[in-house]
N, C-alpha and C. Protein backbone atom coordinates (compact mmCIF):
# COMPACT_ATOMS: atom_id res chain seq x y z
N MET A 1 0.86 -1.21 0.00
CA MET A 1 0.00 0.00 0.00
C MET A 1 0.88 1.24 0.00
N THR A 2 0.58 2.13 -0.91
CA THR A 2 1.38 3.34 -1.00
C THR A 2 0.94 4.34 0.08
N LEU A 3 1.71 5.40 0.26
CA LEU A 3 1.38 6.44 1.26
C LEU A 3 0.07 7.12 0.90
N GLU A 4 -0.15 7.36 -0.39
CA GLU A 4 -1.38 8.01 -0.81
C GLU A 4 -2.58 7.12 -0.52
N GLU A 5 -2.43 5.81 -0.75
CA GLU A 5 -3.52 4.86 -0.47
C GLU A 5 -3.79 4.81 1.03
N LEU A 6 -2.72 4.91 1.84
CA LEU A 6 -2.87 4.88 3.30
C LEU A 6 -3.65 6.12 3.77
N LYS A 7 -3.33 7.28 3.20
CA LYS A 7 -4.05 8.51 3.56
C LYS A 7 -5.52 8.39 3.22
N GLN A 8 -5.79 7.82 2.03
CA GLN A 8 -7.18 7.66 1.61
C GLN A 8 -7.93 6.71 2.54
N PHE A 9 -7.25 5.64 2.96
CA PHE A 9 -7.87 4.66 3.87
C PHE A 9 -8.19 5.32 5.21
N ILE A 10 -7.22 6.10 5.75
CA ILE A 10 -7.44 6.76 7.05
C ILE A 10 -8.56 7.77 6.96
N GLU A 11 -8.61 8.53 5.84
CA GLU A 11 -9.66 9.53 5.65
C GLU A 11 -11.02 8.87 5.57
N ALA A 12 -11.08 7.69 4.85
CA ALA A 12 -12.34 6.99 4.68
C ALA A 12 -12.81 6.34 5.97
N ASN A 13 -11.88 6.04 6.87
CA ASN A 13 -12.23 5.33 8.11
C ASN A 13 -11.89 6.16 9.36
N LYS A 14 -11.93 7.45 9.25
CA LYS A 14 -11.51 8.31 10.37
C LYS A 14 -12.46 8.22 11.56
N ASP A 15 -13.72 7.77 11.30
CA ASP A 15 -14.67 7.62 12.39
C ASP A 15 -14.61 6.23 13.04
N ASN A 16 -13.81 5.36 12.45
CA ASN A 16 -13.69 4.00 12.99
C ASN A 16 -12.86 4.04 14.27
N GLN A 17 -13.39 3.46 15.37
CA GLN A 17 -12.73 3.54 16.67
C GLN A 17 -11.37 2.87 16.64
N GLU A 18 -11.24 1.73 15.95
CA GLU A 18 -9.96 1.02 15.91
C GLU A 18 -8.90 1.88 15.21
N VAL A 19 -9.31 2.55 14.13
CA VAL A 19 -8.38 3.42 13.41
C VAL A 19 -7.96 4.59 14.30
N GLN A 20 -8.92 5.15 15.04
CA GLN A 20 -8.62 6.27 15.93
C GLN A 20 -7.64 5.86 17.02
N ASN A 21 -7.88 4.67 17.58
CA ASN A 21 -6.97 4.18 18.62
C ASN A 21 -5.57 3.94 18.07
N TYR A 22 -5.51 3.45 16.89
CA TYR A 22 -4.22 3.18 16.26
C TYR A 22 -3.44 4.48 16.03
N LEU A 23 -4.16 5.47 15.51
CA LEU A 23 -3.50 6.75 15.24
C LEU A 23 -3.03 7.41 16.54
N LYS A 24 -3.84 7.28 17.62
CA LYS A 24 -3.42 7.84 18.90
C LYS A 24 -2.16 7.17 19.41
N GLY A 25 -2.04 5.88 19.12
CA GLY A 25 -0.83 5.18 19.53
C GLY A 25 0.38 5.65 18.77
N LEU A 26 0.18 6.04 17.50
CA LEU A 26 1.29 6.53 16.70
C LEU A 26 1.74 7.92 17.14
N TYR A 27 0.74 8.77 17.52
CA TYR A 27 1.04 10.14 17.91
C TYR A 27 0.43 10.41 19.28
N PRO A 28 1.06 9.94 20.34
CA PRO A 28 0.52 10.15 21.69
C PRO A 28 0.46 11.65 22.01
N LEU A 29 -0.65 12.09 22.67
CA LEU A 29 -0.87 13.49 23.03
C LEU A 29 -0.12 13.81 24.31
N THR A 30 1.03 14.48 24.18
CA THR A 30 1.86 14.85 25.32
C THR A 30 2.11 16.36 25.27
N PRO A 31 2.43 17.00 26.41
CA PRO A 31 2.75 18.43 26.40
C PRO A 31 3.84 18.78 25.41
N GLU A 32 4.84 17.92 25.34
CA GLU A 32 5.94 18.18 24.41
C GLU A 32 5.46 18.14 22.97
N GLY A 33 4.57 17.17 22.68
CA GLY A 33 4.06 17.02 21.32
C GLY A 33 3.19 18.20 20.92
N VAL A 34 2.36 18.64 21.87
CA VAL A 34 1.51 19.78 21.60
C VAL A 34 2.35 21.03 21.36
N THR A 35 3.35 21.25 22.21
CA THR A 35 4.23 22.41 22.06
C THR A 35 4.94 22.40 20.73
N ALA A 36 5.42 21.22 20.35
CA ALA A 36 6.12 21.10 19.07
C ALA A 36 5.20 21.44 17.91
N PHE A 37 3.92 20.98 18.01
CA PHE A 37 2.97 21.26 16.93
C PHE A 37 2.63 22.75 16.87
N LEU A 38 2.46 23.35 18.03
CA LEU A 38 2.09 24.76 18.04
C LEU A 38 3.21 25.65 17.52
N ASN A 39 4.40 25.19 17.55
CA ASN A 39 5.52 25.96 17.03
C ASN A 39 5.64 25.87 15.51
N THR A 40 4.88 24.96 14.92
CA THR A 40 4.89 24.85 13.46
C THR A 40 3.97 25.91 12.87
N GLU A 41 4.06 26.13 11.54
CA GLU A 41 3.20 27.10 10.87
C GLU A 41 1.73 26.75 11.02
N ASP A 42 1.41 25.45 10.88
CA ASP A 42 0.02 25.02 11.03
C ASP A 42 -0.46 25.25 12.46
N GLY A 43 0.43 25.01 13.42
CA GLY A 43 0.06 25.20 14.82
C GLY A 43 -0.18 26.68 15.13
N LYS A 44 0.66 27.55 14.57
CA LYS A 44 0.49 28.99 14.79
C LYS A 44 -0.81 29.50 14.17
N LYS A 45 -1.13 28.98 12.96
CA LYS A 45 -2.38 29.38 12.32
C LYS A 45 -3.59 28.96 13.15
N LEU A 46 -3.49 27.82 13.81
CA LEU A 46 -4.57 27.33 14.65
C LEU A 46 -4.66 28.11 15.96
N LEU A 47 -3.52 28.47 16.52
CA LEU A 47 -3.49 29.10 17.84
C LEU A 47 -3.77 30.60 17.80
N GLN A 48 -3.29 31.31 16.77
CA GLN A 48 -3.36 32.78 16.76
C GLN A 48 -4.79 33.32 16.88
N PRO A 49 -5.76 32.79 16.11
CA PRO A 49 -7.13 33.31 16.26
C PRO A 49 -7.66 33.17 17.69
N ARG A 50 -7.29 32.06 18.35
CA ARG A 50 -7.74 31.87 19.73
C ARG A 50 -7.08 32.88 20.67
N LEU A 51 -5.80 33.16 20.41
CA LEU A 51 -5.10 34.15 21.23
C LEU A 51 -5.70 35.54 21.03
N ASP A 52 -5.99 35.86 19.76
CA ASP A 52 -6.59 37.16 19.46
C ASP A 52 -7.95 37.31 20.13
N GLN A 53 -8.74 36.25 20.06
CA GLN A 53 -10.06 36.27 20.67
C GLN A 53 -9.96 36.43 22.19
N HIS A 54 -9.03 35.72 22.78
CA HIS A 54 -8.84 35.79 24.23
C HIS A 54 -8.37 37.20 24.64
N PHE A 55 -7.45 37.77 23.85
CA PHE A 55 -6.94 39.11 24.15
C PHE A 55 -8.04 40.16 24.04
N THR A 56 -8.84 40.05 22.96
CA THR A 56 -9.93 41.01 22.76
C THR A 56 -10.94 40.94 23.90
N LYS A 57 -11.28 39.75 24.30
CA LYS A 57 -12.22 39.57 25.40
C LYS A 57 -11.66 40.13 26.70
N GLY A 58 -10.37 39.88 26.93
CA GLY A 58 -9.73 40.39 28.13
C GLY A 58 -9.67 41.91 28.14
N LEU A 59 -9.40 42.51 26.97
CA LEU A 59 -9.33 43.95 26.85
C LEU A 59 -10.68 44.60 27.12
N GLU A 60 -11.74 44.00 26.56
CA GLU A 60 -13.08 44.53 26.78
C GLU A 60 -13.47 44.45 28.25
N THR A 61 -13.11 43.35 28.89
CA THR A 61 -13.40 43.19 30.32
C THR A 61 -12.64 44.24 31.13
N TRP A 62 -11.39 44.50 30.76
CA TRP A 62 -10.58 45.50 31.46
C TRP A 62 -11.17 46.90 31.29
N LYS A 63 -11.62 47.19 30.07
CA LYS A 63 -12.24 48.49 29.81
C LYS A 63 -13.50 48.68 30.64
N GLU A 64 -14.27 47.60 30.76
CA GLU A 64 -15.56 47.68 31.43
C GLU A 64 -15.41 47.75 32.95
N LYS A 65 -14.50 46.98 33.50
CA LYS A 65 -14.42 46.86 34.96
C LYS A 65 -13.30 47.68 35.59
N THR A 66 -12.17 47.79 34.93
CA THR A 66 -10.99 48.40 35.55
C THR A 66 -10.78 49.85 35.10
N LEU A 67 -10.95 50.13 33.81
CA LEU A 67 -10.65 51.45 33.28
C LEU A 67 -11.45 52.57 33.95
N PRO A 68 -12.77 52.41 34.17
CA PRO A 68 -13.51 53.51 34.81
C PRO A 68 -12.95 53.92 36.17
N SER A 69 -12.60 52.94 36.97
CA SER A 69 -12.06 53.27 38.29
C SER A 69 -10.71 53.96 38.18
N LEU A 70 -9.89 53.55 37.20
CA LEU A 70 -8.60 54.20 37.00
C LEU A 70 -8.79 55.64 36.55
N LEU A 71 -9.76 55.87 35.69
CA LEU A 71 -10.03 57.23 35.24
C LEU A 71 -10.53 58.10 36.39
N ASP A 72 -11.41 57.54 37.21
CA ASP A 72 -11.93 58.30 38.35
C ASP A 72 -10.81 58.70 39.30
N GLU A 73 -9.90 57.77 39.54
CA GLU A 73 -8.78 58.06 40.43
C GLU A 73 -7.89 59.16 39.86
N GLU A 74 -7.65 59.10 38.54
CA GLU A 74 -6.79 60.10 37.91
C GLU A 74 -7.45 61.47 37.94
N ILE A 75 -8.78 61.50 37.69
CA ILE A 75 -9.52 62.76 37.72
C ILE A 75 -9.49 63.36 39.12
N LYS A 76 -9.66 62.51 40.12
CA LYS A 76 -9.64 63.00 41.50
C LYS A 76 -8.28 63.57 41.88
N LYS A 77 -7.22 62.99 41.30
CA LYS A 77 -5.87 63.49 41.59
C LYS A 77 -5.69 64.90 41.01
N LYS A 78 -6.15 65.07 39.76
CA LYS A 78 -5.96 66.36 39.09
C LYS A 78 -7.01 67.38 39.49
N PHE A 79 -8.23 66.89 39.75
CA PHE A 79 -9.33 67.79 40.12
C PHE A 79 -10.01 67.26 41.37
N PRO A 80 -9.48 67.59 42.51
CA PRO A 80 -10.05 67.09 43.77
C PRO A 80 -11.54 67.40 43.85
N GLY A 81 -12.32 66.44 44.26
CA GLY A 81 -13.76 66.60 44.34
C GLY A 81 -14.19 67.56 45.42
N GLU A 82 -15.40 68.09 45.28
CA GLU A 82 -15.94 69.01 46.26
C GLU A 82 -16.35 68.26 47.52
N THR A 83 -16.18 68.93 48.64
CA THR A 83 -16.67 68.39 49.89
C THR A 83 -18.17 68.70 49.97
N GLU A 84 -18.85 68.11 50.94
CA GLU A 84 -20.27 68.37 51.10
C GLU A 84 -20.53 69.85 51.39
N ASP A 85 -19.67 70.46 52.19
CA ASP A 85 -19.82 71.89 52.50
C ASP A 85 -19.66 72.73 51.24
N GLN A 86 -18.68 72.34 50.40
CA GLN A 86 -18.45 73.08 49.16
C GLN A 86 -19.64 72.94 48.21
N LYS A 87 -20.25 71.74 48.17
CA LYS A 87 -21.41 71.51 47.32
C LYS A 87 -22.58 72.37 47.77
N ARG A 88 -22.80 72.41 49.09
CA ARG A 88 -23.90 73.23 49.62
C ARG A 88 -23.66 74.72 49.35
N MET A 89 -22.39 75.14 49.48
CA MET A 89 -22.05 76.54 49.22
C MET A 89 -22.27 76.90 47.76
N ARG A 90 -21.85 75.99 46.86
CA ARG A 90 -22.02 76.24 45.43
C ARG A 90 -23.51 76.29 45.07
N LYS A 91 -24.31 75.41 45.65
CA LYS A 91 -25.75 75.40 45.40
C LYS A 91 -26.38 76.70 45.87
N LEU A 92 -25.95 77.15 47.06
CA LEU A 92 -26.49 78.40 47.60
C LEU A 92 -26.12 79.58 46.70
N GLU A 93 -24.87 79.60 46.21
CA GLU A 93 -24.43 80.68 45.33
C GLU A 93 -25.23 80.68 44.03
N ASP A 94 -25.51 79.48 43.49
CA ASP A 94 -26.29 79.38 42.26
C ASP A 94 -27.71 79.91 42.48
N GLU A 95 -28.30 79.57 43.63
CA GLU A 95 -29.65 80.04 43.92
C GLU A 95 -29.70 81.55 44.08
N LEU A 96 -28.69 82.10 44.77
CA LEU A 96 -28.62 83.55 44.95
C LEU A 96 -28.43 84.27 43.62
N LYS A 97 -27.61 83.66 42.76
CA LYS A 97 -27.36 84.26 41.44
C LYS A 97 -28.64 84.27 40.62
N ALA A 98 -29.38 83.14 40.65
CA ALA A 98 -30.63 83.05 39.90
C ALA A 98 -31.66 84.04 40.44
N GLU A 99 -31.70 84.18 41.77
CA GLU A 99 -32.64 85.12 42.39
C GLU A 99 -32.29 86.56 42.01
N LYS A 100 -30.99 86.87 41.98
CA LYS A 100 -30.56 88.21 41.61
C LYS A 100 -30.93 88.52 40.16
N GLN A 101 -30.70 87.56 39.28
CA GLN A 101 -31.03 87.76 37.87
C GLN A 101 -32.53 87.96 37.67
N ALA A 102 -33.33 87.21 38.43
CA ALA A 102 -34.79 87.35 38.33
C ALA A 102 -35.22 88.73 38.83
N ARG A 103 -34.59 89.22 39.91
CA ARG A 103 -34.94 90.53 40.46
C ARG A 103 -34.56 91.65 39.49
N ILE A 104 -33.37 91.52 38.89
CA ILE A 104 -32.92 92.53 37.92
C ILE A 104 -33.84 92.57 36.72
N ARG A 105 -34.24 91.40 36.23
CA ARG A 105 -35.13 91.37 35.06
C ARG A 105 -36.49 91.98 35.41
N SER A 106 -36.99 91.69 36.62
CA SER A 106 -38.27 92.26 37.03
C SER A 106 -38.20 93.78 37.05
N GLU A 107 -37.09 94.33 37.57
CA GLU A 107 -36.92 95.79 37.62
C GLU A 107 -36.84 96.36 36.20
N LEU A 108 -36.13 95.66 35.32
CA LEU A 108 -36.00 96.13 33.94
C LEU A 108 -37.35 96.11 33.23
N VAL A 109 -38.14 95.08 33.49
CA VAL A 109 -39.47 94.99 32.87
C VAL A 109 -40.34 96.16 33.33
N ASN A 110 -40.27 96.47 34.63
CA ASN A 110 -41.06 97.59 35.16
C ASN A 110 -40.65 98.92 34.52
N LYS A 111 -39.33 99.13 34.44
CA LYS A 111 -38.83 100.37 33.83
C LYS A 111 -39.20 100.44 32.36
N ALA A 112 -39.06 99.31 31.67
CA ALA A 112 -39.38 99.27 30.24
C ALA A 112 -40.86 99.51 30.01
N THR A 113 -41.71 98.98 30.91
CA THR A 113 -43.15 99.18 30.78
C THR A 113 -43.51 100.66 30.94
N THR A 114 -42.88 101.31 31.93
CA THR A 114 -43.11 102.73 32.14
C THR A 114 -42.68 103.54 30.93
N LEU A 115 -41.50 103.24 30.42
CA LEU A 115 -40.98 103.97 29.26
C LEU A 115 -41.84 103.73 28.02
N ALA A 116 -42.29 102.50 27.84
CA ALA A 116 -43.12 102.18 26.68
C ALA A 116 -44.46 102.91 26.77
N THR A 117 -44.98 103.01 27.98
CA THR A 117 -46.25 103.73 28.18
C THR A 117 -46.09 105.20 27.83
N GLN A 118 -44.97 105.79 28.26
CA GLN A 118 -44.71 107.20 27.96
C GLN A 118 -44.57 107.43 26.46
N LYS A 119 -43.99 106.48 25.76
CA LYS A 119 -43.76 106.63 24.33
C LYS A 119 -44.95 106.18 23.49
N GLY A 120 -45.98 105.64 24.16
CA GLY A 120 -47.14 105.17 23.42
C GLY A 120 -46.90 103.88 22.68
N LEU A 121 -45.97 103.06 23.18
CA LEU A 121 -45.66 101.79 22.54
C LEU A 121 -46.52 100.68 23.13
N PRO A 122 -46.73 99.61 22.38
CA PRO A 122 -47.54 98.49 22.88
C PRO A 122 -46.84 97.78 24.05
N VAL A 123 -47.47 97.83 25.22
CA VAL A 123 -46.86 97.26 26.43
C VAL A 123 -46.71 95.75 26.32
N ASP A 124 -47.57 95.10 25.57
CA ASP A 124 -47.51 93.64 25.45
C ASP A 124 -46.20 93.16 24.85
N LEU A 125 -45.52 94.03 24.11
CA LEU A 125 -44.27 93.64 23.45
C LEU A 125 -43.03 93.91 24.30
N VAL A 126 -43.21 94.57 25.44
CA VAL A 126 -42.07 95.02 26.24
C VAL A 126 -41.16 93.87 26.64
N ALA A 127 -41.73 92.76 27.09
CA ALA A 127 -40.93 91.64 27.59
C ALA A 127 -39.93 91.13 26.55
N TYR A 128 -40.28 91.26 25.28
CA TYR A 128 -39.40 90.78 24.22
C TYR A 128 -38.21 91.70 23.97
N PHE A 129 -38.26 92.91 24.53
CA PHE A 129 -37.21 93.90 24.26
C PHE A 129 -36.38 94.22 25.51
N VAL A 130 -36.61 93.47 26.59
CA VAL A 130 -35.82 93.66 27.81
C VAL A 130 -34.46 93.00 27.62
N GLY A 131 -33.38 93.79 27.82
CA GLY A 131 -32.02 93.28 27.64
C GLY A 131 -31.38 92.89 28.96
N GLN A 132 -30.04 92.79 28.95
CA GLN A 132 -29.31 92.38 30.14
C GLN A 132 -29.17 93.51 31.15
N ASP A 133 -29.27 94.74 30.67
CA ASP A 133 -29.16 95.89 31.57
C ASP A 133 -30.07 97.00 31.07
N GLU A 134 -30.09 98.12 31.83
CA GLU A 134 -31.00 99.21 31.51
C GLU A 134 -30.65 99.87 30.18
N GLU A 135 -29.36 100.03 29.92
CA GLU A 135 -28.94 100.68 28.67
C GLU A 135 -29.39 99.87 27.46
N THR A 136 -29.15 98.57 27.50
CA THR A 136 -29.56 97.71 26.39
C THR A 136 -31.06 97.73 26.20
N THR A 137 -31.79 97.71 27.32
CA THR A 137 -33.25 97.73 27.25
C THR A 137 -33.75 99.02 26.63
N THR A 138 -33.16 100.16 27.03
CA THR A 138 -33.56 101.45 26.47
C THR A 138 -33.29 101.50 24.98
N ASN A 139 -32.13 101.01 24.57
CA ASN A 139 -31.79 100.99 23.14
C ASN A 139 -32.77 100.11 22.35
N ASN A 140 -33.15 98.99 22.96
CA ASN A 140 -34.10 98.10 22.29
C ASN A 140 -35.46 98.78 22.12
N LEU A 141 -35.89 99.50 23.15
CA LEU A 141 -37.18 100.21 23.07
C LEU A 141 -37.13 101.36 22.07
N THR A 142 -35.96 102.01 21.98
CA THR A 142 -35.80 103.08 20.98
C THR A 142 -35.95 102.51 19.57
N ALA A 143 -35.37 101.33 19.36
CA ALA A 143 -35.51 100.67 18.06
C ALA A 143 -36.97 100.29 17.81
N LEU A 144 -37.64 99.81 18.88
CA LEU A 144 -39.05 99.47 18.75
C LEU A 144 -39.88 100.70 18.42
N GLU A 145 -39.56 101.83 19.06
CA GLU A 145 -40.29 103.08 18.82
C GLU A 145 -40.19 103.48 17.35
N SER A 146 -38.97 103.37 16.80
CA SER A 146 -38.77 103.75 15.40
C SER A 146 -39.60 102.86 14.48
N ILE A 147 -39.56 101.57 14.74
CA ILE A 147 -40.32 100.63 13.91
C ILE A 147 -41.82 100.86 14.07
N TRP A 148 -42.25 101.12 15.30
CA TRP A 148 -43.66 101.33 15.59
C TRP A 148 -44.19 102.59 14.91
N GLN A 149 -43.38 103.67 14.93
CA GLN A 149 -43.80 104.91 14.29
C GLN A 149 -43.93 104.73 12.79
N GLN A 150 -42.99 104.00 12.21
CA GLN A 150 -43.08 103.73 10.78
C GLN A 150 -44.35 102.95 10.45
N TYR A 151 -44.66 102.01 11.31
CA TYR A 151 -45.87 101.20 11.11
C TYR A 151 -47.13 102.09 11.19
N LEU A 152 -47.16 102.98 12.20
CA LEU A 152 -48.31 103.86 12.37
C LEU A 152 -48.46 104.80 11.18
N GLU A 153 -47.34 105.35 10.72
CA GLU A 153 -47.39 106.28 9.60
C GLU A 153 -47.94 105.59 8.35
N LYS A 154 -47.50 104.36 8.13
CA LYS A 154 -48.00 103.63 6.96
C LYS A 154 -49.48 103.31 7.12
N ALA A 155 -49.86 103.00 8.38
CA ALA A 155 -51.27 102.70 8.63
C ALA A 155 -52.14 103.94 8.40
N VAL A 156 -51.65 105.11 8.82
CA VAL A 156 -52.37 106.36 8.62
C VAL A 156 -52.49 106.68 7.13
N GLU A 157 -51.40 106.53 6.41
CA GLU A 157 -51.41 106.79 4.96
C GLU A 157 -52.41 105.88 4.27
N ALA A 158 -52.42 104.62 4.69
CA ALA A 158 -53.36 103.67 4.08
C ALA A 158 -54.80 104.06 4.37
N LYS A 159 -55.03 104.57 5.59
CA LYS A 159 -56.39 104.99 5.97
C LYS A 159 -56.84 106.19 5.15
N PHE A 160 -55.94 107.15 4.95
CA PHE A 160 -56.27 108.32 4.14
C PHE A 160 -56.57 107.92 2.70
N LYS A 161 -55.77 107.03 2.18
CA LYS A 161 -55.96 106.59 0.79
C LYS A 161 -57.29 105.89 0.64
N ASP A 162 -57.67 105.10 1.67
CA ASP A 162 -58.94 104.39 1.61
C ASP A 162 -60.12 105.37 1.58
N SER A 163 -59.92 106.54 2.23
CA SER A 163 -61.00 107.54 2.27
C SER A 163 -60.92 108.50 1.09
N GLY A 164 -59.92 108.31 0.22
CA GLY A 164 -59.79 109.15 -0.96
C GLY A 164 -59.13 110.47 -0.70
N ARG A 165 -58.43 110.63 0.41
CA ARG A 165 -57.76 111.89 0.75
C ARG A 165 -56.25 111.67 0.82
N SER A 166 -55.51 112.77 0.76
CA SER A 166 -54.06 112.74 0.93
C SER A 166 -53.75 112.96 2.40
N PRO A 167 -52.73 112.34 2.95
CA PRO A 167 -52.37 112.55 4.34
C PRO A 167 -52.13 114.01 4.68
N ASN A 168 -51.79 114.84 3.69
CA ASN A 168 -51.50 116.25 3.96
C ASN A 168 -52.74 117.14 3.95
N GLN A 169 -53.90 116.55 3.64
CA GLN A 169 -55.10 117.35 3.55
C GLN A 169 -55.84 117.36 4.89
N GLY A 170 -55.97 118.57 5.47
CA GLY A 170 -56.77 118.70 6.67
C GLY A 170 -56.07 118.25 7.92
N GLY A 171 -54.81 117.87 7.87
CA GLY A 171 -54.13 117.38 9.06
C GLY A 171 -53.72 118.50 9.97
N GLY A 172 -53.51 119.75 9.48
CA GLY A 172 -53.02 120.83 10.33
C GLY A 172 -53.78 122.10 10.11
N GLY A 173 -55.06 122.02 9.91
CA GLY A 173 -55.88 123.22 9.77
C GLY A 173 -55.69 123.91 8.45
N GLY A 174 -55.47 123.18 7.36
CA GLY A 174 -55.34 123.78 6.05
C GLY A 174 -53.94 124.21 5.72
N THR A 175 -52.99 123.95 6.54
CA THR A 175 -51.61 124.37 6.29
C THR A 175 -50.83 123.31 5.54
N GLY A 176 -51.38 122.12 5.35
CA GLY A 176 -50.65 121.03 4.72
C GLY A 176 -49.76 120.30 5.70
N GLN A 177 -49.78 120.68 6.96
CA GLN A 177 -48.95 120.09 8.01
C GLN A 177 -49.72 118.97 8.72
N ILE A 178 -49.15 117.80 8.77
CA ILE A 178 -49.78 116.71 9.52
C ILE A 178 -49.69 117.04 11.00
N ASN A 179 -50.80 116.90 11.69
CA ASN A 179 -50.85 117.21 13.11
C ASN A 179 -50.51 115.96 13.92
N PRO A 180 -49.32 115.92 14.50
CA PRO A 180 -48.91 114.70 15.24
C PRO A 180 -49.62 114.55 16.58
N TRP A 181 -50.42 115.54 16.95
CA TRP A 181 -51.18 115.43 18.21
C TRP A 181 -52.59 114.89 17.97
N LYS A 182 -53.02 114.87 16.72
CA LYS A 182 -54.32 114.30 16.42
C LYS A 182 -54.27 112.77 16.58
N LYS A 183 -55.39 112.22 16.98
CA LYS A 183 -55.45 110.79 17.24
C LYS A 183 -55.08 109.96 16.02
N GLU A 184 -55.60 110.38 14.84
CA GLU A 184 -55.37 109.58 13.63
C GLU A 184 -53.97 109.75 13.04
N THR A 185 -53.24 110.81 13.47
CA THR A 185 -51.87 111.03 12.97
C THR A 185 -50.87 111.16 14.12
N PHE A 186 -51.20 110.57 15.24
CA PHE A 186 -50.36 110.70 16.44
C PHE A 186 -48.94 110.19 16.17
N ASN A 187 -47.93 111.04 16.52
CA ASN A 187 -46.53 110.69 16.24
C ASN A 187 -45.64 111.38 17.26
N LEU A 188 -45.10 110.60 18.19
CA LEU A 188 -44.27 111.18 19.25
C LEU A 188 -42.98 111.78 18.71
N THR A 189 -42.41 111.13 17.73
CA THR A 189 -41.15 111.63 17.16
C THR A 189 -41.36 113.00 16.53
N GLU A 190 -42.47 113.13 15.76
CA GLU A 190 -42.76 114.40 15.10
C GLU A 190 -43.11 115.49 16.13
N GLN A 191 -43.79 115.10 17.20
CA GLN A 191 -44.09 116.05 18.27
C GLN A 191 -42.80 116.64 18.85
N GLY A 192 -41.85 115.77 19.14
CA GLY A 192 -40.58 116.22 19.69
C GLY A 192 -39.84 117.15 18.75
N ARG A 193 -39.89 116.83 17.46
CA ARG A 193 -39.19 117.67 16.48
C ARG A 193 -39.83 119.06 16.41
N LEU A 194 -41.15 119.11 16.40
CA LEU A 194 -41.83 120.41 16.32
C LEU A 194 -41.62 121.24 17.58
N LEU A 195 -41.66 120.60 18.73
CA LEU A 195 -41.44 121.33 19.98
C LEU A 195 -40.03 121.93 20.02
N ARG A 196 -39.11 121.25 19.39
CA ARG A 196 -37.74 121.71 19.39
C ARG A 196 -37.49 122.75 18.30
N ASP A 197 -38.01 122.49 17.09
CA ASP A 197 -37.70 123.36 15.95
C ASP A 197 -38.70 124.50 15.74
N ASN A 198 -39.96 124.29 16.11
CA ASN A 198 -41.00 125.30 15.84
C ASN A 198 -42.05 125.27 16.96
N PRO A 199 -41.69 125.80 18.14
CA PRO A 199 -42.59 125.76 19.30
C PRO A 199 -43.94 126.42 19.02
N GLU A 200 -43.96 127.52 18.26
CA GLU A 200 -45.21 128.23 17.99
C GLU A 200 -46.18 127.36 17.21
N LEU A 201 -45.66 126.71 16.16
CA LEU A 201 -46.50 125.82 15.37
C LEU A 201 -46.97 124.63 16.21
N ALA A 202 -46.08 124.16 17.08
CA ALA A 202 -46.43 123.04 17.95
C ALA A 202 -47.62 123.40 18.83
N LYS A 203 -47.65 124.64 19.36
CA LYS A 203 -48.76 125.09 20.21
C LYS A 203 -50.06 125.13 19.41
N GLN A 204 -49.99 125.62 18.18
CA GLN A 204 -51.17 125.71 17.33
C GLN A 204 -51.75 124.32 17.04
N LEU A 205 -50.84 123.40 16.71
CA LEU A 205 -51.29 122.04 16.39
C LEU A 205 -51.87 121.34 17.62
N GLN A 206 -51.27 121.61 18.79
CA GLN A 206 -51.81 121.03 20.02
C GLN A 206 -53.21 121.55 20.30
N ALA A 207 -53.41 122.84 20.06
CA ALA A 207 -54.73 123.45 20.28
C ALA A 207 -55.75 122.87 19.31
N GLN A 208 -55.36 122.65 18.05
CA GLN A 208 -56.27 122.12 17.05
C GLN A 208 -56.64 120.67 17.36
N ALA A 209 -55.73 119.96 18.03
CA ALA A 209 -55.99 118.54 18.29
C ALA A 209 -56.95 118.33 19.46
N LYS A 210 -57.21 119.38 20.26
CA LYS A 210 -58.08 119.23 21.44
C LYS A 210 -59.55 119.13 21.02
């Protein structure tokens, strides 16, 4: 029987118990034999995937169980944790800061409401124009006043056009001057300009608006 025929016979009868016992007798399983096999290329190919799998599993276990505690220890070394007293103090400071901010905003809302009332601006919009401080709030309301006056002027012009008249007709007693004190042409900005530039005309227009 040739070597090739022997291989074929063993392959065909590999499940036969007698053949298995015979082969075990030829190649007894000893630590030395296993070591010798693992040092071969075939042994390394068989062993490496198992080593990789074992290493990966061990690394994941280390990350899950050991790494967090190591990180916590390192963080505590560089950034010592707060004591209970420090935590209570920080909480109290945060509450005081929030209370102060709420009080400041309430005061700004009150001031902005008063200013908006004086300027004839819609009070309902005040809360949207309150800034971080009084100066910012005042500037915001000034911008609102400008936009609001433009809106009113356009609304007045549209009303005159709907009635078939020009905005300059009849607004100032036949002078062609729009009366900013009249209800339908009320304009705080124009009032201020007239009081400053032409006080006499301003008095006449105020009298006509009564």
